């Protein structure tokens, strides 16, 4: 899947990436840090 390729590229090149999803499980699987936003404002951030 695309998320695995994005993660592989992130790990290989050490670039910061932004991945937008509404799927909580997908976000927790793919991310080091998760930021929850609401109407452009940060509601929560953590790892």
N, C-alpha and C. Protein backbone atom coordinates (compact mmCIF):
# COMPACT_ATOMS: atom_id res chain seq x y z
N UNK A 1 0.83 -1.19 0.00
CA UNK A 1 0.00 0.00 0.00
C UNK A 1 0.87 1.25 0.00
N UNK A 2 0.23 2.36 -0.30
CA UNK A 2 0.94 3.63 -0.38
C UNK A 2 1.54 4.03 0.97
N UNK A 3 0.83 3.79 2.06
CA UNK A 3 1.35 4.22 3.37
C UNK A 3 2.65 3.50 3.72
N UNK A 4 2.79 2.23 3.31
CA UNK A 4 4.03 1.51 3.59
C UNK A 4 5.19 2.07 2.78
N UNK A 5 4.91 2.45 1.54
CA UNK A 5 5.95 3.06 0.70
C UNK A 5 6.35 4.42 1.25
N UNK A 6 5.39 5.21 1.70
CA UNK A 6 5.70 6.51 2.30
C UNK A 6 6.55 6.31 3.54
N UNK A 7 6.20 5.35 4.36
CA UNK A 7 6.98 5.08 5.58
C UNK A 7 8.40 4.61 5.23
N UNK A 8 8.53 3.76 4.23
CA UNK A 8 9.84 3.28 3.81
C UNK A 8 10.72 4.44 3.34
N UNK A 9 10.15 5.33 2.53
CA UNK A 9 10.90 6.49 2.05
C UNK A 9 11.28 7.41 3.21
N UNK A 10 10.36 7.59 4.15
CA UNK A 10 10.64 8.41 5.33
C UNK A 10 11.82 7.82 6.11
N UNK A 11 11.80 6.53 6.34
CA UNK A 11 12.87 5.88 7.09
C UNK A 11 14.20 5.92 6.35
N UNK A 12 14.15 5.78 5.03
CA UNK A 12 15.38 5.77 4.23
C UNK A 12 16.02 7.14 4.13
N UNK A 13 15.23 8.17 3.87
CA UNK A 13 15.78 9.50 3.61
C UNK A 13 15.69 10.46 4.78
N UNK A 14 14.96 10.07 5.84
CA UNK A 14 14.82 10.87 7.06
C UNK A 14 14.21 12.25 6.80
N UNK A 15 13.26 12.31 5.87
CA UNK A 15 12.53 13.54 5.59
C UNK A 15 11.32 13.62 6.51
N UNK A 16 10.96 14.84 6.87
CA UNK A 16 9.69 15.04 7.55
C UNK A 16 8.58 14.91 6.52
N UNK A 17 7.56 14.16 6.85
CA UNK A 17 6.43 14.00 5.94
C UNK A 17 5.13 14.30 6.67
N UNK A 18 4.16 14.76 5.91
CA UNK A 18 2.82 14.99 6.44
C UNK A 18 1.88 14.05 5.71
N UNK A 19 1.18 13.23 6.47
CA UNK A 19 0.26 12.24 5.91
C UNK A 19 -1.11 12.53 6.51
N UNK A 20 -2.06 12.84 5.69
CA UNK A 20 -3.40 13.20 6.16
C UNK A 20 -4.32 11.99 6.02
N UNK A 21 -5.00 11.64 7.13
CA UNK A 21 -5.95 10.54 7.11
C UNK A 21 -7.03 10.79 8.16
N UNK A 22 -8.17 10.20 7.95
CA UNK A 22 -9.24 10.23 8.94
C UNK A 22 -9.34 8.89 9.66
N UNK A 23 -8.46 7.96 9.31
CA UNK A 23 -8.46 6.62 9.88
C UNK A 23 -7.47 6.57 11.05
N UNK A 24 -7.98 6.47 12.26
CA UNK A 24 -7.15 6.51 13.47
C UNK A 24 -6.15 5.35 13.51
N UNK A 25 -6.58 4.16 13.13
CA UNK A 25 -5.68 3.00 13.14
C UNK A 25 -4.55 3.20 12.15
N UNK A 26 -4.87 3.69 10.98
CA UNK A 26 -3.86 3.96 9.96
C UNK A 26 -2.86 5.00 10.47
N UNK A 27 -3.34 6.04 11.09
CA UNK A 27 -2.46 7.08 11.62
C UNK A 27 -1.52 6.52 12.68
N UNK A 28 -2.04 5.71 13.57
CA UNK A 28 -1.22 5.17 14.65
C UNK A 28 -0.20 4.16 14.14
N UNK A 29 -0.52 3.48 13.04
CA UNK A 29 0.41 2.53 12.44
C UNK A 29 1.54 3.23 11.71
N UNK A 30 1.24 4.32 11.05
CA UNK A 30 2.20 4.96 10.16
C UNK A 30 3.04 6.05 10.80
N UNK A 31 2.60 6.62 11.90
CA UNK A 31 3.21 7.86 12.39
C UNK A 31 4.11 7.68 13.60
N UNK A 32 5.10 8.57 13.69
CA UNK A 32 5.89 8.73 14.91
C UNK A 32 5.20 9.71 15.84
N UNK A 33 4.63 10.75 15.25
CA UNK A 33 3.92 11.80 15.99
C UNK A 33 2.58 12.01 15.30
N UNK A 34 1.52 12.11 16.08
CA UNK A 34 0.19 12.36 15.54
C UNK A 34 -0.30 13.71 16.04
N UNK A 35 -0.84 14.51 15.13
CA UNK A 35 -1.43 15.79 15.48
C UNK A 35 -2.90 15.76 15.06
N UNK A 36 -3.79 16.02 16.00
CA UNK A 36 -5.22 16.07 15.71
C UNK A 36 -5.59 17.54 15.56
N UNK A 37 -6.19 17.85 14.40
CA UNK A 37 -6.55 19.24 14.11
C UNK A 37 -8.05 19.36 13.94
N UNK A 38 -8.56 20.56 14.23
CA UNK A 38 -9.97 20.87 14.06
C UNK A 38 -10.06 22.29 13.51
N UNK A 39 -10.54 22.42 12.29
CA UNK A 39 -10.69 23.71 11.63
C UNK A 39 -9.38 24.52 11.65
N UNK A 40 -8.26 23.83 11.38
CA UNK A 40 -6.96 24.49 11.30
C UNK A 40 -6.26 24.70 12.62
N UNK A 41 -6.88 24.30 13.71
CA UNK A 41 -6.27 24.46 15.03
C UNK A 41 -5.84 23.10 15.57
N UNK A 42 -4.67 23.08 16.23
CA UNK A 42 -4.18 21.85 16.85
C UNK A 42 -4.99 21.57 18.11
N UNK A 43 -5.63 20.41 18.15
CA UNK A 43 -6.39 19.99 19.32
C UNK A 43 -5.55 19.12 20.24
N UNK A 44 -4.74 18.23 19.65
CA UNK A 44 -3.87 17.33 20.41
C UNK A 44 -2.64 17.02 19.58
N UNK A 45 -1.52 16.76 20.26
CA UNK A 45 -0.30 16.31 19.59
C UNK A 45 0.42 15.37 20.53
N UNK A 46 0.97 14.32 19.97
CA UNK A 46 1.70 13.37 20.80
C UNK A 46 2.24 12.22 19.99
N UNK A 47 2.95 11.35 20.68
CA UNK A 47 3.53 10.19 20.01
C UNK A 47 3.08 8.92 20.68
